[in-house]
Amino acid sequence: MGFVSFLEVREDLKNPNAWELLSPLIYRGKWETFQVPQGFVTDFASTPRLIWWLIPPYGRYTRAAVLHDWFYRIRADMMPRKEADGIFRRVMREEGVGWRRWVMWAAVRLFGGRYYHAQTKKR
């Protein structure tokens, strides 16, 4: 199980921290398949610039971060936050992310709620 497509992006020239998917990003899990659509805009891992030396915005976890962004931004009304964060951690493990997956998972559990709930209120 895992990603069955490549991550193809282009930088948004108006916002250098935003990347647009040029093709769908497809993840197949044991029981579910998720497809992040072409045109979705992501910032990869939403890490503060202050800690980029430890966890930069992209790395082995990039596809998991894009999937997680999509869960929070688009599927927030359909998927509980705890489930989205758990899938994020699982996908990072499948992608071979070591100790950083635990740090990133803890960060979204501690600090992601405000962003997740802001997305559900927009609907």
PDB file of N, CA and C in Angstrom:
ATOM      1  N   MET A   1       0.836  -1.177   0.000  1.00  0.00           N
ATOM      2  CA  MET A   1       0.000   0.000   0.000  1.00  0.00           C
ATOM      3  C   MET A   1       0.883   1.244   0.000  1.00  0.00           C
ATOM      4  N   GLY A   2       0.306   2.340  -0.384  1.00  0.00           N
ATOM      5  CA  GLY A   2       1.051   3.594  -0.392  1.00  0.00           C
ATOM      6  C   GLY A   2       0.669   4.448  -1.576  1.00  0.00           C
ATOM      7  N   PHE A   3       1.522   5.366  -1.914  1.00  0.00           N
ATOM      8  CA  PHE A   3       1.249   6.258  -3.032  1.00  0.00           C
ATOM      9  C   PHE A   3       1.422   5.496  -4.337  1.00  0.00           C
ATOM     10  N   VAL A   4       0.487   5.730  -5.242  1.00  0.00           N
ATOM     11  CA  VAL A   4       0.540   5.066  -6.543  1.00  0.00           C
ATOM     12  C   VAL A   4       0.704   6.096  -7.660  1.00  0.00           C
ATOM     13  N   SER A   5       1.076   7.301  -7.294  1.00  0.00           N
ATOM     14  CA  SER A   5       1.331   8.349  -8.284  1.00  0.00           C
ATOM     15  C   SER A   5       2.501   9.201  -7.804  1.00  0.00           C
ATOM     16  N   PHE A   6       3.055   9.941  -8.730  1.00  0.00           N
ATOM     17  CA  PHE A   6       4.148  10.845  -8.396  1.00  0.00           C
ATOM     18  C   PHE A   6       3.586  12.185  -7.933  1.00  0.00           C
ATOM     19  N   LEU A   7       4.375  12.902  -7.173  1.00  0.00           N
ATOM     20  CA  LEU A   7       4.016  14.265  -6.775  1.00  0.00           C
ATOM     21  C   LEU A   7       4.588  15.201  -7.836  1.00  0.00           C
ATOM     22  N   GLU A   8       3.707  15.793  -8.605  1.00  0.00           N
ATOM     23  CA  GLU A   8       4.119  16.747  -9.637  1.00  0.00           C
ATOM     24  C   GLU A   8       3.532  18.102  -9.266  1.00  0.00           C
ATOM     25  N   VAL A   9       4.423  19.085  -9.055  1.00  0.00           N
ATOM     26  CA  VAL A   9       3.973  20.405  -8.608  1.00  0.00           C
ATOM     27  C   VAL A   9       4.643  21.510  -9.409  1.00  0.00           C
ATOM     28  N   ARG A  10       4.047  22.683  -9.297  1.00  0.00           N
ATOM     29  CA  ARG A  10       4.685  23.877  -9.845  1.00  0.00           C
ATOM     30  C   ARG A  10       4.536  24.960  -8.782  1.00  0.00           C
ATOM     31  N   GLU A  11       5.579  25.754  -8.671  1.00  0.00           N
ATOM     32  CA  GLU A  11       5.591  26.842  -7.690  1.00  0.00           C
ATOM     33  C   GLU A  11       4.629  27.932  -8.122  1.00  0.00           C
ATOM     34  N   ASP A  12       3.918  28.473  -7.155  1.00  0.00           N
ATOM     35  CA  ASP A  12       3.049  29.616  -7.394  1.00  0.00           C
ATOM     36  C   ASP A  12       3.938  30.856  -7.377  1.00  0.00           C
ATOM     37  N   LEU A  13       4.070  31.523  -8.499  1.00  0.00           N
ATOM     38  CA  LEU A  13       4.983  32.664  -8.590  1.00  0.00           C
ATOM     39  C   LEU A  13       4.542  33.838  -7.725  1.00  0.00           C
ATOM     40  N   LYS A  14       3.269  33.890  -7.366  1.00  0.00           N
ATOM     41  CA  LYS A  14       2.777  34.962  -6.496  1.00  0.00           C
ATOM     42  C   LYS A  14       3.050  34.666  -5.019  1.00  0.00           C
ATOM     43  N   ASN A  15       3.214  33.384  -4.706  1.00  0.00           N
ATOM     44  CA  ASN A  15       3.469  32.968  -3.324  1.00  0.00           C
ATOM     45  C   ASN A  15       4.528  31.860  -3.351  1.00  0.00           C
ATOM     46  N   PRO A  16       5.777  32.209  -3.059  1.00  0.00           N
ATOM     47  CA  PRO A  16       6.853  31.216  -3.167  1.00  0.00           C
ATOM     48  C   PRO A  16       6.749  30.055  -2.189  1.00  0.00           C
ATOM     49  N   ASN A  17       5.836  30.119  -1.225  1.00  0.00           N
ATOM     50  CA  ASN A  17       5.646  29.005  -0.292  1.00  0.00           C
ATOM     51  C   ASN A  17       4.449  28.139  -0.673  1.00  0.00           C
ATOM     52  N   ALA A  18       3.877  28.364  -1.857  1.00  0.00           N
ATOM     53  CA  ALA A  18       2.720  27.604  -2.304  1.00  0.00           C
ATOM     54  C   ALA A  18       3.064  26.831  -3.567  1.00  0.00           C
ATOM     55  N   TRP A  19       2.567  25.616  -3.623  1.00  0.00           N
ATOM     56  CA  TRP A  19       2.840  24.717  -4.743  1.00  0.00           C
ATOM     57  C   TRP A  19       1.523  24.125  -5.218  1.00  0.00           C
ATOM     58  N   GLU A  20       1.317  24.122  -6.524  1.00  0.00           N
ATOM     59  CA  GLU A  20       0.080  23.608  -7.118  1.00  0.00           C
ATOM     60  C   GLU A  20       0.336  22.226  -7.717  1.00  0.00           C
ATOM     61  N   LEU A  21      -0.545  21.279  -7.429  1.00  0.00           N
ATOM     62  CA  LEU A  21      -0.414  19.939  -7.997  1.00  0.00           C
ATOM     63  C   LEU A  21      -0.749  19.968  -9.480  1.00  0.00           C
ATOM     64  N   LEU A  22       0.142  19.416 -10.284  1.00  0.00           N
ATOM     65  CA  LEU A  22      -0.070  19.355 -11.728  1.00  0.00           C
ATOM     66  C   LEU A  22      -0.813  18.096 -12.154  1.00  0.00           C
ATOM     67  N   SER A  23      -0.881  17.138 -11.259  1.00  0.00           N
ATOM     68  CA  SER A  23      -1.623  15.899 -11.503  1.00  0.00           C
ATOM     69  C   SER A  23      -2.117  15.393 -10.148  1.00  0.00           C
ATOM     70  N   PRO A  24      -3.120  14.527 -10.143  1.00  0.00           N
ATOM     71  CA  PRO A  24      -3.620  14.008  -8.866  1.00  0.00           C
ATOM     72  C   PRO A  24      -2.536  13.230  -8.107  1.00  0.00           C
ATOM     73  N   LEU A  25      -2.584  13.330  -6.797  1.00  0.00           N
ATOM     74  CA  LEU A  25      -1.714  12.540  -5.919  1.00  0.00           C
ATOM     75  C   LEU A  25      -2.605  11.466  -5.303  1.00  0.00           C
ATOM     76  N   ILE A  26      -2.302  10.205  -5.582  1.00  0.00           N
ATOM     77  CA  ILE A  26      -3.187   9.110  -5.171  1.00  0.00           C
ATOM     78  C   ILE A  26      -2.483   8.238  -4.142  1.00  0.00           C
ATOM     79  N   TYR A  27      -3.186   8.014  -3.030  1.00  0.00           N
ATOM     80  CA  TYR A  27      -2.688   7.155  -1.956  1.00  0.00           C
ATOM     81  C   TYR A  27      -3.678   6.013  -1.767  1.00  0.00           C
ATOM     82  N   ARG A  28      -3.159   4.784  -1.750  1.00  0.00           N
ATOM     83  CA  ARG A  28      -3.996   3.621  -1.478  1.00  0.00           C
ATOM     84  C   ARG A  28      -3.582   3.006  -0.158  1.00  0.00           C
ATOM     85  N   GLY A  29      -4.514   2.999   0.767  1.00  0.00           N
ATOM     86  CA  GLY A  29      -4.288   2.344   2.045  1.00  0.00           C
ATOM     87  C   GLY A  29      -4.894   0.954   2.017  1.00  0.00           C
ATOM     88  N   LYS A  30      -4.915   0.311   3.143  1.00  0.00           N
ATOM     89  CA  LYS A  30      -5.465  -1.042   3.235  1.00  0.00           C
ATOM     90  C   LYS A  30      -6.963  -1.057   2.937  1.00  0.00           C
ATOM     91  N   TRP A  31      -7.685  -0.028   3.442  1.00  0.00           N
ATOM     92  CA  TRP A  31      -9.135   0.009   3.272  1.00  0.00           C
ATOM     93  C   TRP A  31      -9.633   1.221   2.502  1.00  0.00           C
ATOM     94  N   GLU A  32      -8.751   2.163   2.228  1.00  0.00           N
ATOM     95  CA  GLU A  32      -9.216   3.392   1.604  1.00  0.00           C
ATOM     96  C   GLU A  32      -8.262   3.859   0.517  1.00  0.00           C
ATOM     97  N   THR A  33      -8.821   4.632  -0.394  1.00  0.00           N
ATOM     98  CA  THR A  33      -8.022   5.292  -1.420  1.00  0.00           C
ATOM     99  C   THR A  33      -8.363   6.774  -1.351  1.00  0.00           C
ATOM    100  N   PHE A  34      -7.331   7.612  -1.340  1.00  0.00           N
ATOM    101  CA  PHE A  34      -7.526   9.057  -1.319  1.00  0.00           C
ATOM    102  C   PHE A  34      -6.859   9.648  -2.547  1.00  0.00           C
ATOM    103  N   GLN A  35      -7.535  10.606  -3.157  1.00  0.00           N
ATOM    104  CA  GLN A  35      -6.978  11.271  -4.330  1.00  0.00           C
ATOM    105  C   GLN A  35      -7.010  12.777  -4.109  1.00  0.00           C
ATOM    106  N   VAL A  36      -5.821  13.353  -3.953  1.00  0.00           N
ATOM    107  CA  VAL A  36      -5.695  14.804  -3.858  1.00  0.00           C
ATOM    108  C   VAL A  36      -5.743  15.305  -5.300  1.00  0.00           C
ATOM    109  N   PRO A  37      -6.692  16.185  -5.618  1.00  0.00           N
ATOM    110  CA  PRO A  37      -6.905  16.539  -7.021  1.00  0.00           C
ATOM    111  C   PRO A  37      -5.852  17.473  -7.606  1.00  0.00           C
ATOM    112  N   GLN A  38      -5.713  17.370  -8.907  1.00  0.00           N
ATOM    113  CA  GLN A  38      -4.894  18.323  -9.651  1.00  0.00           C
ATOM    114  C   GLN A  38      -5.419  19.728  -9.350  1.00  0.00           C
ATOM    115  N   GLY A  39      -4.518  20.678  -9.192  1.00  0.00           N
ATOM    116  CA  GLY A  39      -4.902  22.049  -8.894  1.00  0.00           C
ATOM    117  C   GLY A  39      -4.895  22.390  -7.418  1.00  0.00           C
ATOM    118  N   PHE A  40      -4.851  21.363  -6.551  1.00  0.00           N
ATOM    119  CA  PHE A  40      -4.791  21.629  -5.108  1.00  0.00           C
ATOM    120  C   PHE A  40      -3.490  22.367  -4.797  1.00  0.00           C
ATOM    121  N   VAL A  41      -3.568  23.342  -3.891  1.00  0.00           N
ATOM    122  CA  VAL A  41      -2.395  24.138  -3.522  1.00  0.00           C
ATOM    123  C   VAL A  41      -1.974  23.777  -2.102  1.00  0.00           C
ATOM    124  N   THR A  42      -0.692  23.544  -1.924  1.00  0.00           N
ATOM    125  CA  THR A  42      -0.129  23.126  -0.645  1.00  0.00           C
ATOM    126  C   THR A  42       1.104  23.953  -0.320  1.00  0.00           C
ATOM    127  N   ASP A  43       1.497  23.939   0.947  1.00  0.00           N
ATOM    128  CA  ASP A  43       2.773  24.540   1.340  1.00  0.00           C
ATOM    129  C   ASP A  43       3.737  23.444   1.813  1.00  0.00           C
ATOM    130  N   PHE A  44       3.426  22.197   1.458  1.00  0.00           N
ATOM    131  CA  PHE A  44       4.159  21.017   1.917  1.00  0.00           C
ATOM    132  C   PHE A  44       4.013  20.931   3.439  1.00  0.00           C
ATOM    133  N   ALA A  45       5.073  20.731   4.180  1.00  0.00           N
ATOM    134  CA  ALA A  45       4.957  20.654   5.646  1.00  0.00           C
ATOM    135  C   ALA A  45       4.915  22.079   6.192  1.00  0.00           C
ATOM    136  N   SER A  46       3.890  22.358   6.954  1.00  0.00           N
ATOM    137  CA  SER A  46       3.685  23.717   7.483  1.00  0.00           C
ATOM    138  C   SER A  46       4.525  23.940   8.731  1.00  0.00           C
ATOM    139  N   THR A  47       5.820  23.949   8.553  1.00  0.00           N
ATOM    140  CA  THR A  47       6.712  24.134   9.696  1.00  0.00           C
ATOM    141  C   THR A  47       7.152  25.592   9.775  1.00  0.00           C
ATOM    142  N   PRO A  48       7.237  26.121  10.980  1.00  0.00           N
ATOM    143  CA  PRO A  48       7.718  27.504  11.120  1.00  0.00           C
ATOM    144  C   PRO A  48       9.157  27.628  10.622  1.00  0.00           C
ATOM    145  N   ARG A  49       9.453  28.728   9.988  1.00  0.00           N
ATOM    146  CA  ARG A  49      10.794  28.963   9.439  1.00  0.00           C
ATOM    147  C   ARG A  49      11.879  28.777  10.506  1.00  0.00           C
ATOM    148  N   LEU A  50      11.567  29.108  11.732  1.00  0.00           N
ATOM    149  CA  LEU A  50      12.521  29.001  12.832  1.00  0.00           C
ATOM    150  C   LEU A  50      13.076  27.582  12.995  1.00  0.00           C
ATOM    151  N   ILE A  51      12.292  26.561  12.633  1.00  0.00           N
ATOM    152  CA  ILE A  51      12.766  25.179  12.810  1.00  0.00           C
ATOM    153  C   ILE A  51      13.075  24.468  11.486  1.00  0.00           C
ATOM    154  N   TRP A  52      13.183  25.206  10.396  1.00  0.00           N
ATOM    155  CA  TRP A  52      13.499  24.582   9.119  1.00  0.00           C
ATOM    156  C   TRP A  52      14.824  23.830   9.167  1.00  0.00           C
ATOM    157  N   TRP A  53      15.738  24.213  10.043  1.00  0.00           N
ATOM    158  CA  TRP A  53      17.002  23.496  10.172  1.00  0.00           C
ATOM    159  C   TRP A  53      16.764  22.076  10.693  1.00  0.00           C
ATOM    160  N   LEU A  54      15.660  21.872  11.433  1.00  0.00           N
ATOM    161  CA  LEU A  54      15.326  20.570  12.001  1.00  0.00           C
ATOM    162  C   LEU A  54      14.328  19.816  11.122  1.00  0.00           C
ATOM    163  N   ILE A  55      13.275  20.511  10.711  1.00  0.00           N
ATOM    164  CA  ILE A  55      12.241  19.917   9.862  1.00  0.00           C
ATOM    165  C   ILE A  55      11.911  20.913   8.751  1.00  0.00           C
ATOM    166  N   PRO A  56      12.578  20.781   7.613  1.00  0.00           N
ATOM    167  CA  PRO A  56      12.294  21.686   6.498  1.00  0.00           C
ATOM    168  C   PRO A  56      10.908  21.402   5.915  1.00  0.00           C
ATOM    169  N   PRO A  57      10.392  22.305   5.093  1.00  0.00           N
ATOM    170  CA  PRO A  57       9.045  22.125   4.542  1.00  0.00           C
ATOM    171  C   PRO A  57       8.888  20.891   3.653  1.00  0.00           C
ATOM    172  N   TYR A  58       9.977  20.360   3.158  1.00  0.00           N
ATOM    173  CA  TYR A  58       9.875  19.171   2.312  1.00  0.00           C
ATOM    174  C   TYR A  58      10.980  18.188   2.655  1.00  0.00           C
ATOM    175  N   GLY A  59      10.697  16.947   2.368  1.00  0.00           N
ATOM    176  CA  GLY A  59      11.633  15.861   2.649  1.00  0.00           C
ATOM    177  C   GLY A  59      10.949  14.555   2.322  1.00  0.00           C
ATOM    178  N   ARG A  60      11.369  13.499   2.951  1.00  0.00           N
ATOM    179  CA  ARG A  60      10.769  12.183   2.720  1.00  0.00           C
ATOM    180  C   ARG A  60       9.275  12.188   3.053  1.00  0.00           C
ATOM    181  N   TYR A  61       8.842  13.118   3.861  1.00  0.00           N
ATOM    182  CA  TYR A  61       7.452  13.222   4.327  1.00  0.00           C
ATOM    183  C   TYR A  61       6.578  14.125   3.456  1.00  0.00           C
ATOM    184  N   THR A  62       7.093  14.636   2.346  1.00  0.00           N
ATOM    185  CA  THR A  62       6.372  15.636   1.561  1.00  0.00           C
ATOM    186  C   THR A  62       5.014  15.142   1.080  1.00  0.00           C
ATOM    187  N   ARG A  63       4.952  13.960   0.502  1.00  0.00           N
ATOM    188  CA  ARG A  63       3.656  13.474  -0.003  1.00  0.00           C
ATOM    189  C   ARG A  63       2.662  13.288   1.140  1.00  0.00           C
ATOM    190  N   ALA A  64       3.130  12.823   2.292  1.00  0.00           N
ATOM    191  CA  ALA A  64       2.245  12.692   3.446  1.00  0.00           C
ATOM    192  C   ALA A  64       1.735  14.061   3.888  1.00  0.00           C
ATOM    193  N   ALA A  65       2.600  15.071   3.833  1.00  0.00           N
ATOM    194  CA  ALA A  65       2.200  16.429   4.220  1.00  0.00           C
ATOM    195  C   ALA A  65       1.156  16.990   3.264  1.00  0.00           C
ATOM    196  N   VAL A  66       1.305  16.721   1.970  1.00  0.00           N
ATOM    197  CA  VAL A  66       0.312  17.185   0.986  1.00  0.00           C
ATOM    198  C   VAL A  66      -1.029  16.519   1.262  1.00  0.00           C
ATOM    199  N   LEU A  67      -1.014  15.215   1.497  1.00  0.00           N
ATOM    200  CA  LEU A  67      -2.245  14.488   1.822  1.00  0.00           C
ATOM    201  C   LEU A  67      -2.883  15.067   3.078  1.00  0.00           C
ATOM    202  N   HIS A  68      -2.082  15.336   4.090  1.00  0.00           N
ATOM    203  CA  HIS A  68      -2.588  15.892   5.347  1.00  0.00           C
ATOM    204  C   HIS A  68      -3.167  17.291   5.142  1.00  0.00           C
ATOM    205  N   ASP A  69      -2.500  18.116   4.342  1.00  0.00           N
ATOM    206  CA  ASP A  69      -3.053  19.435   4.010  1.00  0.00           C
ATOM    207  C   ASP A  69      -4.441  19.292   3.396  1.00  0.00           C
ATOM    208  N   TRP A  70      -4.564  18.362   2.494  1.00  0.00           N
ATOM    209  CA  TRP A  70      -5.847  18.139   1.824  1.00  0.00           C
ATOM    210  C   TRP A  70      -6.911  17.671   2.820  1.00  0.00           C
ATOM    211  N   PHE A  71      -6.533  16.772   3.724  1.00  0.00           N
ATOM    212  CA  PHE A  71      -7.485  16.339   4.753  1.00  0.00           C
ATOM    213  C   PHE A  71      -7.998  17.545   5.538  1.00  0.00           C
ATOM    214  N   TYR A  72      -7.087  18.396   5.946  1.00  0.00           N
ATOM    215  CA  TYR A  72      -7.481  19.552   6.763  1.00  0.00           C
ATOM    216  C   TYR A  72      -8.276  20.575   5.964  1.00  0.00           C
ATOM    217  N   ARG A  73      -7.867  20.833   4.753  1.00  0.00           N
ATOM    218  CA  ARG A  73      -8.471  21.924   3.994  1.00  0.00           C
ATOM    219  C   ARG A  73      -9.753  21.531   3.286  1.00  0.00           C
ATOM    220  N   ILE A  74      -9.788  20.361   2.706  1.00  0.00           N
ATOM    221  CA  ILE A  74     -10.913  19.986   1.862  1.00  0.00           C
ATOM    222  C   ILE A  74     -11.846  18.992   2.554  1.00  0.00           C
ATOM    223  N   ARG A  75     -11.292  18.072   3.278  1.00  0.00           N
ATOM    224  CA  ARG A  75     -12.103  16.998   3.851  1.00  0.00           C
ATOM    225  C   ARG A  75     -12.423  17.211   5.326  1.00  0.00           C
ATOM    226  N   ALA A  76     -12.180  18.382   5.846  1.00  0.00           N
ATOM    227  CA  ALA A  76     -12.356  18.627   7.272  1.00  0.00           C
ATOM    228  C   ALA A  76     -13.767  18.297   7.747  1.00  0.00           C
ATOM    229  N   ASP A  77     -14.764  18.503   6.905  1.00  0.00           N
ATOM    230  CA  ASP A  77     -16.140  18.188   7.298  1.00  0.00           C
ATOM    231  C   ASP A  77     -16.435  16.692   7.259  1.00  0.00           C
ATOM    232  N   MET A  78     -15.572  15.919   6.587  1.00  0.00           N
ATOM    233  CA  MET A  78     -15.841  14.498   6.382  1.00  0.00           C
ATOM    234  C   MET A  78     -14.959  13.581   7.224  1.00  0.00           C
ATOM    235  N   MET A  79     -13.876  14.110   7.764  1.00  0.00           N
ATOM    236  CA  MET A  79     -12.925  13.262   8.475  1.00  0.00           C
ATOM    237  C   MET A  79     -12.567  13.902   9.809  1.00  0.00           C
ATOM    238  N   PRO A  80     -12.732  13.172  10.897  1.00  0.00           N
ATOM    239  CA  PRO A  80     -12.308  13.717  12.188  1.00  0.00           C
ATOM    240  C   PRO A  80     -10.816  14.035  12.182  1.00  0.00           C
ATOM    241  N   ARG A  81     -10.457  15.088  12.867  1.00  0.00           N
ATOM    242  CA  ARG A  81      -9.070  15.538  12.914  1.00  0.00           C
ATOM    243  C   ARG A  81      -8.133  14.443  13.421  1.00  0.00           C
ATOM    244  N   LYS A  82      -8.540  13.740  14.447  1.00  0.00           N
ATOM    245  CA  LYS A  82      -7.694  12.682  15.011  1.00  0.00           C
ATOM    246  C   LYS A  82      -7.387  11.618  13.960  1.00  0.00           C
ATOM    247  N   GLU A  83      -8.369  11.282  13.131  1.00  0.00           N
ATOM    248  CA  GLU A  83      -8.150  10.302  12.068  1.00  0.00           C
ATOM    249  C   GLU A  83      -7.192  10.844  11.007  1.00  0.00           C
ATOM    250  N   ALA A  84      -7.373  12.100  10.623  1.00  0.00           N
ATOM    251  CA  ALA A  84      -6.483  12.727   9.635  1.00  0.00           C
ATOM    252  C   ALA A  84      -5.044  12.718  10.140  1.00  0.00           C
ATOM    253  N   ASP A  85      -4.853  13.059  11.405  1.00  0.00           N
ATOM    254  CA  ASP A  85      -3.511  13.085  11.981  1.00  0.00           C
ATOM    255  C   ASP A  85      -2.918  11.678  12.087  1.00  0.00           C
ATOM    256  N   GLY A  86      -3.762  10.701  12.402  1.00  0.00           N
ATOM    257  CA  GLY A  86      -3.286   9.320  12.483  1.00  0.00           C
ATOM    258  C   GLY A  86      -2.853   8.779  11.128  1.00  0.00           C
ATOM    259  N   ILE A  87      -3.622   9.099  10.096  1.00  0.00           N
ATOM    260  CA  ILE A  87      -3.246   8.673   8.749  1.00  0.00           C
ATOM    261  C   ILE A  87      -1.935   9.340   8.352  1.00  0.00           C
ATOM    262  N   PHE A  88      -1.777  10.606   8.705  1.00  0.00           N
ATOM    263  CA  PHE A  88      -0.533  11.340   8.433  1.00  0.00           C
ATOM    264  C   PHE A  88       0.661  10.585   9.028  1.00  0.00           C
ATOM    265  N   ARG A  89       0.557  10.192  10.284  1.00  0.00           N
ATOM    266  CA  ARG A  89       1.651   9.465  10.940  1.00  0.00           C
ATOM    267  C   ARG A  89       1.896   8.118  10.271  1.00  0.00           C
ATOM    268  N   ARG A  90       0.824   7.396   9.955  1.00  0.00           N
ATOM    269  CA  ARG A  90       0.961   6.087   9.325  1.00  0.00           C
ATOM    270  C   ARG A  90       1.630   6.209   7.946  1.00  0.00           C
ATOM    271  N   VAL A  91       1.193   7.182   7.163  1.00  0.00           N
ATOM    272  CA  VAL A  91       1.757   7.353   5.822  1.00  0.00           C
ATOM    273  C   VAL A  91       3.235   7.730   5.926  1.00  0.00           C
ATOM    274  N   MET A  92       3.585   8.580   6.892  1.00  0.00           N
ATOM    275  CA  MET A  92       5.006   8.908   7.061  1.00  0.00           C
ATOM    276  C   MET A  92       5.818   7.663   7.399  1.00  0.00           C
ATOM    277  N   ARG A  93       5.266   6.782   8.233  1.00  0.00           N
ATOM    278  CA  ARG A  93       5.968   5.527   8.546  1.00  0.00           C
ATOM    279  C   ARG A  93       6.158   4.705   7.276  1.00  0.00           C
ATOM    280  N   GLU A  94       5.099   4.602   6.470  1.00  0.00           N
ATOM    281  CA  GLU A  94       5.185   3.857   5.215  1.00  0.00           C
ATOM    282  C   GLU A  94       6.210   4.475   4.258  1.00  0.00           C
ATOM    283  N   GLU A  95       6.394   5.785   4.338  1.00  0.00           N
ATOM    284  CA  GLU A  95       7.338   6.491   3.468  1.00  0.00           C
ATOM    285  C   GLU A  95       8.775   6.418   4.011  1.00  0.00           C
ATOM    286  N   GLY A  96       8.946   5.773   5.170  1.00  0.00           N
ATOM    287  CA  GLY A  96      10.285   5.598   5.725  1.00  0.00           C
ATOM    288  C   GLY A  96      10.783   6.760   6.564  1.00  0.00           C
ATOM    289  N   VAL A  97       9.862   7.589   7.048  1.00  0.00           N
ATOM    290  CA  VAL A  97      10.256   8.714   7.902  1.00  0.00           C
ATOM    291  C   VAL A  97      10.517   8.173   9.306  1.00  0.00           C
ATOM    292  N   GLY A  98      11.657   8.504   9.859  1.00  0.00           N
ATOM    293  CA  GLY A  98      12.040   8.019  11.185  1.00  0.00           C
ATOM    294  C   GLY A  98      11.457   8.866  12.309  1.00  0.00           C
ATOM    295  N   TRP A  99      12.326   9.329  13.173  1.00  0.00           N
ATOM    296  CA  TRP A  99      11.901  10.072  14.364  1.00  0.00           C
ATOM    297  C   TRP A  99      11.120  11.338  14.021  1.00  0.00           C
ATOM    298  N   ARG A 100      11.347  11.939  12.875  1.00  0.00           N
ATOM    299  CA  ARG A 100      10.629  13.178  12.514  1.00  0.00           C
ATOM    300  C   ARG A 100       9.120  12.958  12.448  1.00  0.00           C
ATOM    301  N   ARG A 101       8.686  11.744  12.109  1.00  0.00           N
ATOM    302  CA  ARG A 101       7.238  11.517  12.023  1.00  0.00           C
ATOM    303  C   ARG A 101       6.571  11.729  13.373  1.00  0.00           C
ATOM    304  N   TRP A 102       7.271  11.359  14.438  1.00  0.00           N
ATOM    305  CA  TRP A 102       6.687  11.536  15.775  1.00  0.00           C
ATOM    306  C   TRP A 102       6.633  13.015  16.151  1.00  0.00           C
ATOM    307  N   VAL A 103       7.670  13.752  15.801  1.00  0.00           N
ATOM    308  CA  VAL A 103       7.696  15.196  16.078  1.00  0.00           C
ATOM    309  C   VAL A 103       6.602  15.899  15.274  1.00  0.00           C
ATOM    310  N   MET A 104       6.486  15.551  13.997  1.00  0.00           N
ATOM    311  CA  MET A 104       5.491  16.190  13.143  1.00  0.00           C
ATOM    312  C   MET A 104       4.075  15.815  13.572  1.00  0.00           C
ATOM    313  N   TRP A 105       3.864  14.554  13.932  1.00  0.00           N
ATOM    314  CA  TRP A 105       2.553  14.124  14.397  1.00  0.00           C
ATOM    315  C   TRP A 105       2.186  14.850  15.707  1.00  0.00           C
ATOM    316  N   ALA A 106       3.139  14.936  16.629  1.00  0.00           N
ATOM    317  CA  ALA A 106       2.874  15.643  17.890  1.00  0.00           C
ATOM    318  C   ALA A 106       2.556  17.113  17.621  1.00  0.00           C
ATOM    319  N   ALA A 107       3.246  17.714  16.667  1.00  0.00           N
ATOM    320  CA  ALA A 107       2.997  19.128  16.352  1.00  0.00           C
ATOM    321  C   ALA A 107       1.586  19.334  15.804  1.00  0.00           C
ATOM    322  N   VAL A 108       1.132  18.452  14.906  1.00  0.00           N
ATOM    323  CA  VAL A 108      -0.228  18.638  14.378  1.00  0.00           C
ATOM    324  C   VAL A 108      -1.272  18.326  15.439  1.00  0.00           C
ATOM    325  N   ARG A 109      -0.973  17.411  16.334  1.00  0.00           N
ATOM    326  CA  ARG A 109      -1.926  17.127  17.417  1.00  0.00           C
ATOM    327  C   ARG A 109      -2.015  18.320  18.378  1.00  0.00           C
ATOM    328  N   LEU A 110      -0.872  18.936  18.662  1.00  0.00           N
ATOM    329  CA  LEU A 110      -0.861  20.064  19.598  1.00  0.00           C
ATOM    330  C   LEU A 110      -1.334  21.375  18.985  1.00  0.00           C
ATOM    331  N   PHE A 111      -0.931  21.638  17.752  1.00  0.00           N
ATOM    332  CA  PHE A 111      -1.154  22.965  17.173  1.00  0.00           C
ATOM    333  C   PHE A 111      -2.073  22.989  15.959  1.00  0.00           C
ATOM    334  N   GLY A 112      -2.456  21.836  15.435  1.00  0.00           N
ATOM    335  CA  GLY A 112      -3.266  21.802  14.218  1.00  0.00           C
ATOM    336  C   GLY A 112      -4.735  22.081  14.405  1.00  0.00           C
ATOM    337  N   GLY A 113      -5.222  21.985  15.624  1.00  0.00           N
ATOM    338  CA  GLY A 113      -6.657  22.135  15.873  1.00  0.00           C
ATOM    339  C   GLY A 113      -7.229  23.457  15.405  1.00  0.00           C
ATOM    340  N   ARG A 114      -6.526  24.514  15.661  1.00  0.00           N
ATOM    341  CA  ARG A 114      -7.032  25.836  15.275  1.00  0.00           C
ATOM    342  C   ARG A 114      -7.206  25.927  13.761  1.00  0.00           C
ATOM    343  N   TYR A 115      -6.233  25.416  13.032  1.00  0.00           N
ATOM    344  CA  TYR A 115      -6.322  25.460  11.578  1.00  0.00           C
ATOM    345  C   TYR A 115      -7.428  24.531  11.071  1.00  0.00           C
ATOM    346  N   TYR A 116      -7.511  23.337  11.618  1.00  0.00           N
ATOM    347  CA  TYR A 116      -8.535  22.373  11.211  1.00  0.00           C
ATOM    348  C   TYR A 116      -9.927  22.947  11.448  1.00  0.00           C
ATOM    349  N   HIS A 117     -10.153  23.497  12.620  1.00  0.00           N
ATOM    350  CA  HIS A 117     -11.481  24.028  12.944  1.00  0.00           C
ATOM    351  C   HIS A 117     -11.801  25.278  12.128  1.00  0.00           C
ATOM    352  N   ALA A 118     -10.798  26.044  11.760  1.00  0.00           N
ATOM    353  CA  ALA A 118     -11.035  27.207  10.890  1.00  0.00           C
ATOM    354  C   ALA A 118     -11.544  26.753   9.532  1.00  0.00           C
ATOM    355  N   GLN A 119     -11.061  25.619   9.060  1.00  0.00           N
ATOM    356  CA  GLN A 119     -11.521  25.100   7.761  1.00  0.00           C
ATOM    357  C   GLN A 119     -12.961  24.621   7.834  1.00  0.00           C
ATOM    358  N   THR A 120     -13.349  23.996   8.943  1.00  0.00           N
ATOM    359  CA  THR A 120     -14.722  23.509   9.040  1.00  0.00           C
ATOM    360  C   THR A 120     -15.695  24.671   9.184  1.00  0.00           C
ATOM    361  N   LYS A 121     -15.271  25.772   9.785  1.00  0.00           N
ATOM    362  CA  LYS A 121     -16.151  26.935   9.933  1.00  0.00           C
ATOM    363  C   LYS A 121     -16.377  27.655   8.607  1.00  0.00           C
ATOM    364  N   LYS A 122     -15.449  27.502   7.667  1.00  0.00           N
ATOM    365  CA  LYS A 122     -15.599  28.166   6.364  1.00  0.00           C
ATOM    366  C   LYS A 122     -16.730  27.574   5.551  1.00  0.00           C
ATOM    367  N   ARG A 123     -17.171  26.375   5.901  1.00  0.00           N
ATOM    368  CA  ARG A 123     -18.216  25.708   5.115  1.00  0.00           C
ATOM    369  C   ARG A 123     -19.598  26.035   5.612  1.00  0.00           C
TER     370      ARG A 123
END
